[in-house]
């Protein structure tokens, strides 16, 4: 039979193990099940082979990590399009993070937003109401991403055709620290 002294040590050891397990596992569990309002889901995906010379018109105007965020929230916004034609009825903009090792790739579906100033600049004198939104905004948690270096790409899907461009940024994740760096 165990003595009271040994029972206390066993309970203390189990409590310490449970505490450290929670510290390492909780952020991932919480990130998978609890999202902020307007936060996009990040999904692991296979490598996407697309034409890298798609000549998209795009701009990344904001790409930053939220300060003091234990969930490693990243926000990206801008605009992107291949063509501005009335025939384009469907447009999706995706943020594709391609790993250097080609095994851990992630994709985030961005929210389309109206950017009338961009349409006005590229379609001077035309009726803008017949054109689909070209702006995008995505907020996602990088906590589920594995450690590594990821090249950030923008994928535009217009009428079921996909176009691809390098956003000229990388995300470096090392030991839980996320850094966003421009590619020079």
N, C-alpha and C. Protein backbone atom coordinates (compact mmCIF):
# COMPACT_ATOMS: atom_id res chain seq x y z
N UNK A 1 0.84 -1.18 0.00
CA UNK A 1 0.00 0.00 0.00
C UNK A 1 0.89 1.25 0.00
N UNK A 2 0.44 2.26 -0.77
CA UNK A 2 1.21 3.49 -0.86
C UNK A 2 1.07 4.30 0.42
N UNK A 3 2.15 4.90 0.78
CA UNK A 3 2.10 5.76 1.96
C UNK A 3 1.57 7.12 1.54
N UNK A 4 1.10 7.89 2.52
CA UNK A 4 0.57 9.22 2.23
C UNK A 4 1.62 10.10 1.56
N UNK A 5 2.87 9.95 1.96
CA UNK A 5 3.95 10.75 1.41
C UNK A 5 4.08 10.51 -0.10
N UNK A 6 4.03 9.26 -0.52
CA UNK A 6 4.14 8.91 -1.94
C UNK A 6 2.91 9.36 -2.72
N UNK A 7 1.74 9.29 -2.13
CA UNK A 7 0.52 9.74 -2.81
C UNK A 7 0.62 11.23 -3.13
N UNK A 8 1.11 12.00 -2.21
CA UNK A 8 1.26 13.45 -2.41
C UNK A 8 2.22 13.75 -3.54
N UNK A 9 3.34 13.03 -3.62
CA UNK A 9 4.32 13.24 -4.68
C UNK A 9 3.73 12.88 -6.04
N UNK A 10 2.99 11.78 -6.08
CA UNK A 10 2.37 11.34 -7.34
C UNK A 10 1.35 12.37 -7.82
N UNK A 11 0.53 12.87 -6.92
CA UNK A 11 -0.46 13.89 -7.27
C UNK A 11 0.23 15.15 -7.75
N UNK A 12 1.30 15.57 -7.08
CA UNK A 12 2.04 16.76 -7.48
C UNK A 12 2.66 16.57 -8.87
N UNK A 13 3.26 15.43 -9.11
CA UNK A 13 3.86 15.15 -10.42
C UNK A 13 2.80 15.15 -11.52
N UNK A 14 1.65 14.54 -11.27
CA UNK A 14 0.56 14.54 -12.25
C UNK A 14 0.05 15.95 -12.51
N UNK A 15 -0.05 16.76 -11.47
CA UNK A 15 -0.51 18.14 -11.63
C UNK A 15 0.48 18.94 -12.47
N UNK A 16 1.77 18.78 -12.22
CA UNK A 16 2.79 19.49 -13.00
C UNK A 16 2.76 19.03 -14.46
N UNK A 17 2.66 17.73 -14.69
CA UNK A 17 2.56 17.21 -16.06
C UNK A 17 1.32 17.74 -16.78
N UNK A 18 0.20 17.77 -16.09
CA UNK A 18 -1.04 18.29 -16.69
C UNK A 18 -0.89 19.76 -17.03
N UNK A 19 -0.25 20.53 -16.15
CA UNK A 19 -0.06 21.96 -16.38
C UNK A 19 0.79 22.20 -17.63
N UNK A 20 1.94 21.53 -17.72
CA UNK A 20 2.81 21.74 -18.88
C UNK A 20 2.19 21.19 -20.17
N UNK A 21 1.46 20.12 -20.08
CA UNK A 21 0.74 19.61 -21.25
C UNK A 21 -0.26 20.64 -21.74
N UNK A 22 -0.99 21.26 -20.83
CA UNK A 22 -1.97 22.28 -21.19
C UNK A 22 -1.28 23.48 -21.85
N UNK A 23 -0.14 23.88 -21.34
CA UNK A 23 0.57 25.03 -21.91
C UNK A 23 0.96 24.76 -23.36
N UNK A 24 1.39 23.56 -23.67
CA UNK A 24 1.83 23.26 -25.03
C UNK A 24 0.69 22.90 -25.97
N UNK A 25 -0.37 22.33 -25.48
CA UNK A 25 -1.46 21.85 -26.33
C UNK A 25 -2.60 22.86 -26.45
N UNK A 26 -2.85 23.65 -25.43
CA UNK A 26 -4.02 24.54 -25.40
C UNK A 26 -4.08 25.53 -26.56
N UNK A 27 -3.00 26.24 -26.91
CA UNK A 27 -3.14 27.20 -28.01
C UNK A 27 -3.62 26.58 -29.31
N UNK A 28 -3.11 25.40 -29.64
CA UNK A 28 -3.54 24.73 -30.87
C UNK A 28 -5.00 24.32 -30.78
N UNK A 29 -5.39 23.74 -29.66
CA UNK A 29 -6.79 23.32 -29.50
C UNK A 29 -7.72 24.52 -29.55
N UNK A 30 -7.36 25.58 -28.85
CA UNK A 30 -8.21 26.77 -28.85
C UNK A 30 -8.28 27.40 -30.24
N UNK A 31 -7.16 27.42 -30.94
CA UNK A 31 -7.13 28.01 -32.27
C UNK A 31 -8.01 27.25 -33.25
N UNK A 32 -8.07 25.93 -33.10
CA UNK A 32 -8.87 25.14 -34.02
C UNK A 32 -10.37 25.29 -33.76
N UNK A 33 -10.75 25.60 -32.54
CA UNK A 33 -12.16 25.60 -32.19
C UNK A 33 -12.75 26.98 -31.90
N UNK A 34 -11.92 27.96 -31.59
CA UNK A 34 -12.43 29.28 -31.28
C UNK A 34 -11.75 30.30 -32.18
N UNK A 35 -12.54 30.94 -33.01
CA UNK A 35 -12.02 31.93 -33.93
C UNK A 35 -12.59 33.30 -33.59
N UNK A 36 -11.81 34.32 -33.91
CA UNK A 36 -12.31 35.68 -33.75
C UNK A 36 -13.32 35.96 -34.86
N UNK A 37 -14.09 36.98 -34.64
CA UNK A 37 -15.03 37.42 -35.65
C UNK A 37 -14.25 37.78 -36.92
N UNK A 38 -14.71 37.38 -38.04
CA UNK A 38 -14.13 37.59 -39.38
C UNK A 38 -12.76 36.94 -39.58
N UNK A 39 -12.41 35.99 -38.74
CA UNK A 39 -11.15 35.27 -38.92
C UNK A 39 -11.34 34.13 -39.92
N UNK A 40 -10.45 34.05 -40.88
CA UNK A 40 -10.52 33.00 -41.90
C UNK A 40 -9.88 31.72 -41.37
N UNK A 41 -10.33 30.61 -41.91
CA UNK A 41 -9.75 29.33 -41.54
C UNK A 41 -8.53 29.06 -42.40
N UNK A 42 -7.48 28.60 -41.78
CA UNK A 42 -6.27 28.23 -42.50
C UNK A 42 -6.30 26.71 -42.66
N UNK A 43 -6.05 26.26 -43.87
CA UNK A 43 -6.13 24.83 -44.16
C UNK A 43 -4.80 24.35 -44.74
N UNK A 44 -4.39 23.17 -44.31
CA UNK A 44 -3.21 22.55 -44.89
C UNK A 44 -3.61 22.01 -46.26
N UNK A 45 -2.73 22.16 -47.23
CA UNK A 45 -3.05 21.75 -48.58
C UNK A 45 -1.82 21.14 -49.26
N UNK A 46 -2.06 20.48 -50.34
CA UNK A 46 -0.96 19.95 -51.16
C UNK A 46 -0.33 21.10 -51.93
N UNK A 47 0.82 20.85 -52.51
CA UNK A 47 1.47 21.87 -53.33
C UNK A 47 0.60 22.16 -54.54
N UNK A 48 0.43 23.43 -54.83
CA UNK A 48 -0.36 23.86 -55.98
C UNK A 48 0.62 24.22 -57.10
N UNK A 49 0.50 23.54 -58.22
CA UNK A 49 1.34 23.84 -59.38
C UNK A 49 0.56 24.73 -60.33
N UNK A 50 0.93 25.98 -60.35
CA UNK A 50 0.27 26.94 -61.23
C UNK A 50 1.32 27.68 -62.04
N UNK A 51 0.87 28.29 -63.12
CA UNK A 51 1.74 29.11 -63.94
C UNK A 51 2.21 30.30 -63.11
N UNK A 52 3.50 30.40 -62.91
CA UNK A 52 4.05 31.46 -62.06
C UNK A 52 4.15 32.80 -62.80
N UNK A 53 3.87 32.83 -64.07
CA UNK A 53 3.92 34.07 -64.83
C UNK A 53 2.52 34.49 -65.24
N UNK A 54 1.64 34.62 -64.27
CA UNK A 54 0.24 34.94 -64.57
C UNK A 54 0.00 36.42 -64.81
N UNK A 55 0.96 37.24 -64.54
CA UNK A 55 0.86 38.70 -64.70
C UNK A 55 -0.42 39.27 -64.11
N UNK A 56 -0.62 39.02 -62.83
CA UNK A 56 -1.75 39.60 -62.11
C UNK A 56 -1.46 41.06 -61.80
N UNK A 57 -2.50 41.85 -61.74
CA UNK A 57 -2.39 43.19 -61.20
C UNK A 57 -2.74 43.07 -59.73
N UNK A 58 -1.81 43.44 -58.86
CA UNK A 58 -2.06 43.25 -57.43
C UNK A 58 -1.25 44.24 -56.60
N UNK A 59 -1.66 44.37 -55.37
CA UNK A 59 -0.91 45.15 -54.40
C UNK A 59 -1.25 44.62 -53.01
N UNK A 60 -0.22 44.38 -52.22
CA UNK A 60 -0.41 44.02 -50.81
C UNK A 60 -0.16 45.29 -50.03
N UNK A 61 -1.23 45.85 -49.49
CA UNK A 61 -1.12 47.14 -48.82
C UNK A 61 -0.91 47.02 -47.32
N UNK A 62 -1.30 45.90 -46.77
CA UNK A 62 -1.13 45.69 -45.33
C UNK A 62 -0.84 44.21 -45.11
N UNK A 63 0.24 43.94 -44.42
CA UNK A 63 0.60 42.56 -44.09
C UNK A 63 1.36 42.62 -42.78
N UNK A 64 0.68 42.26 -41.70
CA UNK A 64 1.29 42.41 -40.39
C UNK A 64 0.77 41.38 -39.40
N UNK A 65 1.56 41.20 -38.36
CA UNK A 65 1.16 40.32 -37.27
C UNK A 65 0.66 41.19 -36.13
N UNK A 66 -0.43 40.76 -35.53
CA UNK A 66 -0.98 41.50 -34.41
C UNK A 66 -0.03 41.41 -33.21
N UNK A 67 0.18 42.53 -32.56
CA UNK A 67 1.06 42.59 -31.40
C UNK A 67 0.50 41.78 -30.24
N UNK A 68 1.37 41.14 -29.49
CA UNK A 68 1.02 40.41 -28.26
C UNK A 68 -0.12 39.42 -28.47
N UNK A 69 -0.11 38.72 -29.56
CA UNK A 69 -1.17 37.77 -29.86
C UNK A 69 -0.65 36.36 -29.62
N UNK A 70 -1.19 35.69 -28.61
CA UNK A 70 -0.73 34.32 -28.34
C UNK A 70 -1.16 33.38 -29.46
N UNK A 71 -2.16 33.77 -30.25
CA UNK A 71 -2.64 32.93 -31.35
C UNK A 71 -1.96 33.28 -32.67
N UNK A 72 -1.00 34.18 -32.64
CA UNK A 72 -0.22 34.55 -33.82
C UNK A 72 -1.13 34.98 -34.97
N UNK A 73 -1.97 35.97 -34.73
CA UNK A 73 -2.91 36.48 -35.73
C UNK A 73 -2.16 37.31 -36.77
N UNK A 74 -2.37 36.97 -38.04
CA UNK A 74 -1.78 37.69 -39.16
C UNK A 74 -2.90 38.29 -39.98
N UNK A 75 -2.71 39.54 -40.41
CA UNK A 75 -3.70 40.22 -41.26
C UNK A 75 -3.02 40.64 -42.56
N UNK A 76 -3.73 40.44 -43.66
CA UNK A 76 -3.23 40.82 -44.98
C UNK A 76 -4.39 41.42 -45.77
N UNK A 77 -4.11 42.52 -46.47
CA UNK A 77 -5.15 43.13 -47.30
C UNK A 77 -4.50 43.81 -48.51
N UNK A 78 -5.32 44.03 -49.51
CA UNK A 78 -4.86 44.66 -50.74
C UNK A 78 -5.87 44.45 -51.84
N UNK A 79 -5.40 44.36 -53.08
CA UNK A 79 -6.29 44.04 -54.19
C UNK A 79 -5.54 43.16 -55.18
N UNK A 80 -6.30 42.40 -55.96
CA UNK A 80 -5.70 41.53 -56.97
C UNK A 80 -6.75 41.16 -58.01
N UNK A 81 -6.34 41.14 -59.27
CA UNK A 81 -7.22 40.69 -60.35
C UNK A 81 -6.38 40.36 -61.58
N UNK A 82 -6.93 39.53 -62.43
CA UNK A 82 -6.29 39.22 -63.71
C UNK A 82 -6.86 40.13 -64.78
N UNK A 83 -8.19 40.13 -64.88
CA UNK A 83 -8.86 40.96 -65.89
C UNK A 83 -10.08 41.63 -65.26
N UNK A 84 -10.42 42.77 -65.78
CA UNK A 84 -11.63 43.46 -65.34
C UNK A 84 -12.61 43.46 -66.50
N UNK A 85 -13.41 42.42 -66.56
CA UNK A 85 -14.42 42.28 -67.61
C UNK A 85 -15.76 42.01 -66.96
N UNK A 86 -16.82 42.40 -67.65
CA UNK A 86 -18.17 42.15 -67.14
C UNK A 86 -18.49 40.66 -67.13
N UNK A 87 -17.83 39.88 -67.98
CA UNK A 87 -18.11 38.45 -68.06
C UNK A 87 -17.65 37.69 -66.82
N UNK A 88 -16.81 38.30 -66.03
CA UNK A 88 -16.31 37.63 -64.82
C UNK A 88 -17.39 37.71 -63.74
N UNK A 89 -17.97 36.56 -63.46
CA UNK A 89 -19.08 36.50 -62.49
C UNK A 89 -18.63 35.95 -61.14
N UNK A 90 -17.52 35.22 -61.13
CA UNK A 90 -17.01 34.64 -59.88
C UNK A 90 -15.55 35.03 -59.71
N UNK A 91 -15.22 35.50 -58.53
CA UNK A 91 -13.82 35.79 -58.22
C UNK A 91 -13.56 35.35 -56.78
N UNK A 92 -12.49 34.61 -56.61
CA UNK A 92 -12.02 34.23 -55.28
C UNK A 92 -10.56 34.64 -55.19
N UNK A 93 -10.17 35.12 -54.03
CA UNK A 93 -8.77 35.44 -53.81
C UNK A 93 -8.30 34.61 -52.62
N UNK A 94 -7.22 33.88 -52.84
CA UNK A 94 -6.68 32.98 -51.82
C UNK A 94 -5.25 33.39 -51.49
N UNK A 95 -4.88 33.23 -50.24
CA UNK A 95 -3.50 33.44 -49.82
C UNK A 95 -2.89 32.05 -49.66
N UNK A 96 -1.87 31.77 -50.44
CA UNK A 96 -1.24 30.45 -50.46
C UNK A 96 0.17 30.57 -49.90
N UNK A 97 0.43 29.85 -48.81
CA UNK A 97 1.74 29.87 -48.18
C UNK A 97 2.47 28.58 -48.52
N UNK A 98 3.50 28.72 -49.33
CA UNK A 98 4.23 27.57 -49.86
C UNK A 98 5.50 27.34 -49.03
N UNK A 99 5.60 26.17 -48.45
CA UNK A 99 6.74 25.81 -47.61
C UNK A 99 7.98 25.54 -48.46
N UNK A 100 9.13 25.81 -47.88
CA UNK A 100 10.38 25.51 -48.59
C UNK A 100 10.54 24.02 -48.84
N UNK A 101 10.06 23.20 -47.90
CA UNK A 101 10.20 21.75 -48.08
C UNK A 101 9.07 21.15 -48.90
N UNK A 102 8.14 21.97 -49.34
CA UNK A 102 7.02 21.58 -50.22
C UNK A 102 6.03 20.61 -49.57
N UNK A 103 6.19 20.32 -48.27
CA UNK A 103 5.30 19.37 -47.60
C UNK A 103 4.20 20.07 -46.81
N UNK A 104 4.54 21.17 -46.16
CA UNK A 104 3.58 21.87 -45.30
C UNK A 104 3.14 23.16 -45.98
N UNK A 105 2.14 23.07 -46.81
CA UNK A 105 1.61 24.24 -47.50
C UNK A 105 0.24 24.56 -46.93
N UNK A 106 -0.07 25.85 -46.85
CA UNK A 106 -1.33 26.28 -46.25
C UNK A 106 -2.03 27.27 -47.17
N UNK A 107 -3.36 27.29 -47.07
CA UNK A 107 -4.15 28.20 -47.90
C UNK A 107 -5.24 28.84 -47.04
N UNK A 108 -5.49 30.12 -47.32
CA UNK A 108 -6.52 30.88 -46.61
C UNK A 108 -7.38 31.57 -47.66
N UNK A 109 -8.69 31.43 -47.53
CA UNK A 109 -9.60 32.11 -48.45
C UNK A 109 -9.84 33.52 -47.91
N UNK A 110 -9.51 34.51 -48.73
CA UNK A 110 -9.66 35.91 -48.32
C UNK A 110 -11.09 36.37 -48.58
N UNK A 111 -11.49 37.35 -47.81
CA UNK A 111 -12.81 37.96 -47.98
C UNK A 111 -12.69 39.05 -49.05
N UNK A 112 -13.60 39.04 -50.02
CA UNK A 112 -13.59 40.09 -51.05
C UNK A 112 -14.18 41.37 -50.47
N UNK A 113 -13.56 42.48 -50.81
CA UNK A 113 -14.08 43.78 -50.36
C UNK A 113 -14.13 44.73 -51.55
N UNK A 114 -15.00 45.70 -51.45
CA UNK A 114 -15.16 46.67 -52.52
C UNK A 114 -13.98 47.64 -52.52
N UNK A 115 -13.48 47.91 -53.70
CA UNK A 115 -12.39 48.87 -53.88
C UNK A 115 -12.72 49.75 -55.09
N UNK A 116 -13.71 50.64 -54.96
CA UNK A 116 -14.10 51.46 -56.11
C UNK A 116 -12.97 52.33 -56.65
N UNK A 117 -12.05 52.76 -55.80
CA UNK A 117 -10.94 53.60 -56.28
C UNK A 117 -10.02 52.82 -57.22
N UNK A 118 -9.87 51.53 -56.99
CA UNK A 118 -9.05 50.70 -57.88
C UNK A 118 -9.77 50.50 -59.21
N UNK A 119 -11.07 50.20 -59.14
CA UNK A 119 -11.85 50.03 -60.37
C UNK A 119 -11.87 51.32 -61.18
N UNK A 120 -12.02 52.45 -60.52
CA UNK A 120 -12.04 53.74 -61.21
C UNK A 120 -10.71 54.00 -61.90
N UNK A 121 -9.63 53.65 -61.25
CA UNK A 121 -8.30 53.86 -61.83
C UNK A 121 -8.09 53.02 -63.08
N UNK A 122 -8.58 51.78 -63.07
CA UNK A 122 -8.34 50.87 -64.20
C UNK A 122 -9.48 50.85 -65.23
N UNK A 123 -10.64 51.37 -64.87
CA UNK A 123 -11.79 51.37 -65.78
C UNK A 123 -12.38 52.78 -65.89
N UNK A 124 -11.60 53.70 -66.28
CA UNK A 124 -12.05 55.09 -66.35
C UNK A 124 -13.26 55.22 -67.27
N UNK A 125 -14.34 55.80 -66.74
CA UNK A 125 -15.53 56.07 -67.53
C UNK A 125 -16.49 54.91 -67.71
N UNK A 126 -16.23 53.75 -67.14
CA UNK A 126 -17.13 52.60 -67.29
C UNK A 126 -18.05 52.48 -66.09
N UNK A 127 -19.12 51.69 -66.27
CA UNK A 127 -20.06 51.43 -65.18
C UNK A 127 -19.43 50.41 -64.22
N UNK A 128 -19.12 50.86 -63.01
CA UNK A 128 -18.42 50.01 -62.05
C UNK A 128 -19.33 48.98 -61.39
N UNK A 129 -20.64 49.19 -61.46
CA UNK A 129 -21.57 48.28 -60.78
C UNK A 129 -21.60 46.88 -61.42
N UNK A 130 -21.12 46.77 -62.65
CA UNK A 130 -21.14 45.48 -63.34
C UNK A 130 -19.88 44.65 -63.08
N UNK A 131 -19.00 45.17 -62.26
CA UNK A 131 -17.73 44.48 -62.01
C UNK A 131 -17.68 43.95 -60.58
N UNK A 132 -17.06 42.79 -60.45
CA UNK A 132 -16.95 42.12 -59.14
C UNK A 132 -15.82 42.76 -58.33
N UNK A 133 -15.95 42.69 -57.02
CA UNK A 133 -14.97 43.28 -56.11
C UNK A 133 -13.57 42.72 -56.35
N UNK A 134 -12.57 43.60 -56.22
CA UNK A 134 -11.18 43.19 -56.44
C UNK A 134 -10.34 43.26 -55.16
N UNK A 135 -10.87 43.88 -54.12
CA UNK A 135 -10.12 43.99 -52.87
C UNK A 135 -10.21 42.72 -52.06
N UNK A 136 -9.23 42.51 -51.19
CA UNK A 136 -9.27 41.33 -50.33
C UNK A 136 -8.78 41.67 -48.93
N UNK A 137 -9.24 40.88 -47.98
CA UNK A 137 -8.81 41.00 -46.58
C UNK A 137 -8.86 39.60 -45.97
N UNK A 138 -7.80 39.24 -45.29
CA UNK A 138 -7.77 37.95 -44.59
C UNK A 138 -7.09 38.13 -43.24
N UNK A 139 -7.70 37.53 -42.25
CA UNK A 139 -7.12 37.49 -40.90
C UNK A 139 -7.13 36.03 -40.49
N UNK A 140 -5.97 35.51 -40.11
CA UNK A 140 -5.89 34.10 -39.76
C UNK A 140 -4.85 33.89 -38.67
N UNK A 141 -4.95 32.75 -38.01
CA UNK A 141 -4.02 32.39 -36.95
C UNK A 141 -2.94 31.47 -37.51
N UNK A 142 -1.69 31.84 -37.31
CA UNK A 142 -0.57 31.04 -37.80
C UNK A 142 -0.13 29.98 -36.79
N UNK A 143 -0.88 29.83 -35.72
CA UNK A 143 -0.47 28.90 -34.67
C UNK A 143 -0.48 27.45 -35.15
N UNK A 144 -1.33 27.14 -36.12
CA UNK A 144 -1.40 25.76 -36.62
C UNK A 144 -0.31 25.44 -37.64
N UNK A 145 0.38 26.46 -38.12
CA UNK A 145 1.45 26.25 -39.10
C UNK A 145 2.67 25.62 -38.41
N UNK A 146 3.30 24.70 -39.10
CA UNK A 146 4.51 24.07 -38.58
C UNK A 146 5.69 25.03 -38.74
N UNK A 147 6.73 24.84 -37.95
CA UNK A 147 7.93 25.66 -38.07
C UNK A 147 8.50 25.54 -39.47
N UNK A 148 8.95 26.67 -40.02
CA UNK A 148 9.52 26.66 -41.36
C UNK A 148 9.44 28.04 -41.99
N UNK A 149 9.86 28.11 -43.23
CA UNK A 149 9.82 29.34 -44.00
C UNK A 149 8.80 29.15 -45.12
N UNK A 150 7.88 30.10 -45.24
CA UNK A 150 6.78 30.00 -46.20
C UNK A 150 6.81 31.21 -47.13
N UNK A 151 6.78 30.93 -48.42
CA UNK A 151 6.66 31.99 -49.42
C UNK A 151 5.18 32.31 -49.57
N UNK A 152 4.83 33.59 -49.48
CA UNK A 152 3.43 34.01 -49.56
C UNK A 152 3.09 34.32 -51.01
N UNK A 153 2.00 33.72 -51.47
CA UNK A 153 1.54 33.89 -52.85
C UNK A 153 0.07 34.29 -52.85
N UNK A 154 -0.33 34.96 -53.90
CA UNK A 154 -1.74 35.32 -54.09
C UNK A 154 -2.27 34.51 -55.26
N UNK A 155 -3.39 33.84 -55.03
CA UNK A 155 -4.04 33.07 -56.08
C UNK A 155 -5.39 33.72 -56.35
N UNK A 156 -5.63 34.07 -57.60
CA UNK A 156 -6.91 34.66 -58.00
C UNK A 156 -7.62 33.65 -58.88
N UNK A 157 -8.84 33.34 -58.50
CA UNK A 157 -9.66 32.40 -59.27
C UNK A 157 -10.80 33.21 -59.89
N UNK A 158 -10.78 33.31 -61.22
CA UNK A 158 -11.81 34.06 -61.95
C UNK A 158 -12.50 33.10 -62.92
N UNK A 159 -13.81 32.93 -62.76
CA UNK A 159 -14.58 32.02 -63.62
C UNK A 159 -13.89 30.66 -63.75
N UNK A 160 -13.49 30.09 -62.65
CA UNK A 160 -12.87 28.77 -62.56
C UNK A 160 -11.48 28.66 -63.19
N UNK A 161 -10.87 29.75 -63.56
CA UNK A 161 -9.47 29.75 -64.00
C UNK A 161 -8.64 30.34 -62.87
N UNK A 162 -7.50 29.70 -62.59
CA UNK A 162 -6.67 30.14 -61.48
C UNK A 162 -5.41 30.84 -61.98
N UNK A 163 -5.10 31.96 -61.35
CA UNK A 163 -3.90 32.73 -61.67
C UNK A 163 -3.11 32.90 -60.38
N UNK A 164 -1.80 33.04 -60.52
CA UNK A 164 -0.91 32.91 -59.39
C UNK A 164 0.17 33.97 -59.46
N UNK A 165 0.52 34.57 -58.33
CA UNK A 165 1.66 35.48 -58.30
C UNK A 165 2.33 35.44 -56.94
N UNK A 166 3.60 35.73 -56.94
CA UNK A 166 4.38 35.80 -55.71
C UNK A 166 4.12 37.16 -55.07
N UNK A 167 3.73 37.18 -53.79
CA UNK A 167 3.41 38.44 -53.11
C UNK A 167 4.66 39.14 -52.60
N UNK A 168 5.82 38.53 -52.76
CA UNK A 168 7.11 39.10 -52.36
C UNK A 168 7.24 39.29 -50.85
N UNK A 169 6.65 38.33 -50.11
CA UNK A 169 6.80 38.27 -48.65
C UNK A 169 7.05 36.83 -48.26
N UNK A 170 7.73 36.65 -47.13
CA UNK A 170 7.84 35.32 -46.54
C UNK A 170 7.38 35.38 -45.09
N UNK A 171 6.87 34.27 -44.63
CA UNK A 171 6.54 34.11 -43.22
C UNK A 171 7.52 33.09 -42.66
N UNK A 172 8.24 33.50 -41.63
CA UNK A 172 9.19 32.60 -41.00
C UNK A 172 8.65 32.24 -39.62
N UNK A 173 8.46 30.96 -39.39
CA UNK A 173 8.00 30.50 -38.08
C UNK A 173 9.07 29.59 -37.51
N UNK A 174 9.57 29.98 -36.34
CA UNK A 174 10.63 29.22 -35.69
C UNK A 174 10.37 29.19 -34.19
N UNK A 175 10.16 28.01 -33.66
CA UNK A 175 9.92 27.80 -32.23
C UNK A 175 8.75 28.65 -31.72
N UNK A 176 7.72 28.74 -32.52
CA UNK A 176 6.53 29.46 -32.11
C UNK A 176 6.56 30.95 -32.38
N UNK A 177 7.67 31.49 -32.85
CA UNK A 177 7.78 32.91 -33.17
C UNK A 177 7.53 33.10 -34.66
N UNK A 178 6.64 34.02 -34.98
CA UNK A 178 6.30 34.30 -36.38
C UNK A 178 6.89 35.64 -36.77
N UNK A 179 7.57 35.65 -37.93
CA UNK A 179 8.16 36.88 -38.45
C UNK A 179 7.73 37.02 -39.91
N UNK A 180 7.30 38.22 -40.28
CA UNK A 180 6.93 38.51 -41.67
C UNK A 180 8.05 39.35 -42.27
N UNK A 181 8.61 38.88 -43.37
CA UNK A 181 9.75 39.57 -43.99
C UNK A 181 9.47 39.83 -45.47
N UNK A 182 9.87 41.01 -45.97
CA UNK A 182 9.75 41.25 -47.41
C UNK A 182 10.87 40.52 -48.16
N UNK A 183 10.58 40.11 -49.38
CA UNK A 183 11.59 39.49 -50.24
C UNK A 183 12.20 40.59 -51.08
N UNK A 184 13.49 40.68 -51.05
CA UNK A 184 14.18 41.75 -51.78
C UNK A 184 14.66 41.25 -53.11
